[in-house]
Amino acid sequence: MSSATINFEDYLALTQLYADYAIAVDSGNWDLWPEFFIDDCIYRLQPRENFERGFPLATLAFTSKGMLKDRVYGIQETLFHDPYYQRHVVGSPAIRKAEAGRFECEANYAVFRTKLSDASTVFNTGRYIDVVVRTDAGLKFASRQCIYDSEMIPNSIIYPI
């Protein structure tokens, strides 16, 4: 797969967006998460097999910033689960296509989960396939597809990947 050429400032801004996203979703301050997206965004968490076969079934699929905010409300107010911490390790974004104010990027990720009384475990691994756009507020995700590698996932995914 070929990569696109972009200037240093744009690459630095994209790298910072990826780092800031990981820090935000690991912080437990869930109100930060939707602010990484434009209003008319797409966020999907989908198994690799379904993605590669073109099947639409996804574990989570949201089609607006409002839906992301609803998920945050659910995390904070209605979902009951054993508390845990998560930690994202995200590779450098590979720029696949760059146009004026729009970037198609891809990066590998690994998410580790730590329950309060257990050792850390690998929770989810895969790759992000993103469309990032320039807005007045800086770079934002127009689309984030989290394509996870294993068909086997824990009994629930509560927090954003």
Protein backbone atom coordinates (compact mmCIF):
# COMPACT_ATOMS: atom_id res chain seq x y z
CA MET A 1 0.00 0.00 0.00
CA SER A 2 1.50 3.35 -0.98
CA SER A 3 1.65 6.35 1.27
CA ALA A 4 0.94 9.98 0.49
CA THR A 5 3.35 12.85 0.93
CA ILE A 6 2.39 15.61 3.35
CA ASN A 7 4.27 18.48 4.97
CA PHE A 8 5.89 18.17 8.38
CA GLU A 9 3.36 20.41 10.16
CA ASP A 10 0.42 18.30 9.00
CA TYR A 11 2.18 15.05 9.94
CA LEU A 12 3.03 16.44 13.37
CA ALA A 13 -0.61 17.53 13.85
CA LEU A 14 -1.86 14.06 12.84
CA THR A 15 0.60 12.35 15.17
CA GLN A 16 -0.49 14.66 18.00
CA LEU A 17 -4.17 13.88 17.26
CA TYR A 18 -3.49 10.16 17.59
CA ALA A 19 -1.53 10.64 20.83
CA ASP A 20 -4.14 12.99 22.31
CA TYR A 21 -6.94 10.56 21.45
CA ALA A 22 -5.16 7.69 23.23
CA ILE A 23 -4.48 9.83 26.30
CA ALA A 24 -8.10 11.00 26.41
CA VAL A 25 -9.70 7.55 26.17
CA ASP A 26 -7.25 6.20 28.75
CA SER A 27 -7.93 9.08 31.16
CA GLY A 28 -11.44 8.01 32.13
CA ASN A 29 -12.73 11.51 31.33
CA TRP A 30 -15.24 10.21 28.79
CA ASP A 31 -16.58 13.66 27.87
CA LEU A 32 -13.31 14.23 25.98
CA TRP A 33 -13.91 11.37 23.53
CA PRO A 34 -16.67 12.86 21.31
CA GLU A 35 -14.71 16.09 20.91
CA PHE A 36 -12.21 14.31 18.67
CA PHE A 37 -14.93 13.92 16.02
CA ILE A 38 -16.89 16.15 13.68
CA ASP A 39 -20.68 16.30 14.19
CA ASP A 40 -21.47 14.03 11.22
CA CYS A 41 -18.91 11.35 12.05
CA ILE A 42 -18.67 7.59 11.82
CA TYR A 43 -17.19 5.40 14.57
CA ARG A 44 -17.16 1.64 14.06
CA LEU A 45 -15.67 -1.22 16.02
CA GLN A 46 -15.64 -4.21 13.71
CA PRO A 47 -13.98 -7.62 13.58
CA ARG A 48 -11.33 -8.00 10.89
CA GLU A 49 -13.10 -10.92 9.25
CA ASN A 50 -16.30 -8.92 8.69
CA PHE A 51 -14.34 -5.91 7.43
CA GLU A 52 -12.27 -7.92 4.95
CA ARG A 53 -15.31 -9.77 3.62
CA GLY A 54 -17.29 -6.54 3.24
CA PHE A 55 -19.88 -7.60 5.82
CA PRO A 56 -21.52 -4.63 7.56
CA LEU A 57 -21.96 -6.24 10.99
CA ALA A 58 -20.02 -4.29 13.63
CA THR A 59 -19.74 -4.68 17.40
CA LEU A 60 -20.36 -0.93 17.79
CA ALA A 61 -21.49 1.47 15.07
CA PHE A 62 -22.21 5.15 15.65
CA THR A 63 -23.04 7.66 12.92
CA SER A 64 -22.90 11.02 14.68
CA LYS A 65 -21.20 12.89 17.48
CA GLY A 66 -24.57 12.82 19.26
CA MET A 67 -24.46 9.02 19.30
CA LEU A 68 -20.95 9.17 20.79
CA LYS A 69 -22.28 11.46 23.51
CA ASP A 70 -25.09 8.96 24.17
CA ARG A 71 -22.45 6.25 24.60
CA VAL A 72 -20.59 8.47 27.07
CA TYR A 73 -23.82 8.91 29.03
CA GLY A 74 -24.23 5.13 29.05
CA ILE A 75 -20.68 4.61 30.30
CA GLN A 76 -21.12 7.16 33.07
CA GLU A 77 -24.70 6.54 34.13
CA THR A 78 -26.25 3.26 33.01
CA LEU A 79 -23.69 0.54 32.30
CA PHE A 80 -22.72 -1.61 35.27
CA HIS A 81 -19.46 -3.52 35.04
CA ASP A 82 -16.31 -4.36 36.94
CA PRO A 83 -14.19 -1.21 36.78
CA TYR A 84 -10.98 -1.38 34.82
CA TYR A 85 -8.29 0.82 33.36
CA GLN A 86 -7.21 0.68 29.78
CA ARG A 87 -4.01 1.77 28.11
CA HIS A 88 -3.61 2.34 24.37
CA VAL A 89 -0.34 1.85 22.54
CA VAL A 90 -0.75 3.33 19.06
CA GLY A 91 1.67 3.17 16.15
CA SER A 92 2.57 6.16 14.04
CA PRO A 93 -0.12 7.01 11.51
CA ALA A 94 0.58 5.99 7.94
CA ILE A 95 -0.87 8.55 5.55
CA ARG A 96 -2.56 6.72 2.68
CA LYS A 97 -4.09 9.74 0.92
CA ALA A 98 -3.81 13.48 1.45
CA GLU A 99 -5.99 16.13 -0.12
CA ALA A 100 -6.64 19.72 0.88
CA GLY A 101 -7.70 19.48 4.51
CA ARG A 102 -8.48 15.73 4.37
CA PHE A 103 -6.26 12.78 5.24
CA GLU A 104 -6.83 9.04 5.02
CA CYS A 105 -4.66 7.37 7.66
CA GLU A 106 -4.05 4.00 9.21
CA ALA A 107 -2.32 2.98 12.45
CA ASN A 108 -1.95 -0.21 14.46
CA TYR A 109 -3.12 -0.24 18.06
CA ALA A 110 -3.03 -2.44 21.14
CA VAL A 111 -5.23 -1.88 24.17
CA PHE A 112 -4.27 -3.33 27.53
CA ARG A 113 -6.80 -3.74 30.32
CA THR A 114 -6.08 -3.73 34.03
CA LYS A 115 -8.77 -4.73 36.49
CA LEU A 116 -8.22 -3.36 39.96
CA SER A 117 -7.16 -6.70 41.48
CA ASP A 118 -5.65 -8.42 38.41
CA ALA A 119 -2.58 -8.21 36.24
CA SER A 120 -2.75 -6.29 32.98
CA THR A 121 -3.85 -8.27 29.93
CA VAL A 122 -4.02 -7.65 26.21
CA PHE A 123 -7.62 -6.55 25.69
CA ASN A 124 -7.91 -5.66 22.01
CA THR A 125 -5.53 -5.31 19.06
CA GLY A 126 -6.05 -4.16 15.53
CA ARG A 127 -5.78 -1.13 13.31
CA TYR A 128 -7.48 2.18 12.95
CA ILE A 129 -8.62 3.18 9.48
CA ASP A 130 -9.37 6.89 9.67
CA VAL A 131 -10.49 9.89 7.72
CA VAL A 132 -9.24 13.06 9.38
CA VAL A 133 -10.38 16.52 8.33
CA ARG A 134 -9.17 20.01 9.11
CA THR A 135 -11.73 22.12 11.02
CA ASP A 136 -11.64 25.56 12.62
CA ALA A 137 -10.92 23.71 15.90
CA GLY A 138 -8.01 21.71 14.39
CA LEU A 139 -7.87 18.18 13.04
CA LYS A 140 -10.86 15.94 13.82
CA PHE A 141 -11.94 12.44 12.88
CA ALA A 142 -14.65 12.30 10.23
CA SER A 143 -14.46 8.51 10.37
CA ARG A 144 -12.71 6.09 12.71
CA GLN A 145 -12.94 2.39 12.02
CA CYS A 146 -11.38 0.21 14.71
CA ILE A 147 -10.79 -3.10 12.98
CA TYR A 148 -9.86 -5.62 15.66
CA ASP A 149 -7.93 -8.78 14.85
CA SER A 150 -9.55 -11.49 16.93
CA GLU A 151 -13.11 -12.71 16.57
CA MET A 152 -12.94 -13.52 20.26
CA ILE A 153 -13.55 -10.50 22.44
CA PRO A 154 -14.33 -10.19 26.14
CA ASN A 155 -17.98 -10.42 27.10
CA SER A 156 -18.29 -6.64 26.82
CA ILE A 157 -16.49 -3.65 25.41
CA ILE A 158 -17.52 -0.69 27.51
CA TYR A 159 -14.95 2.01 26.82
CA PRO A 160 -13.94 3.43 23.42
CA ILE A 161 -11.13 1.70 21.58
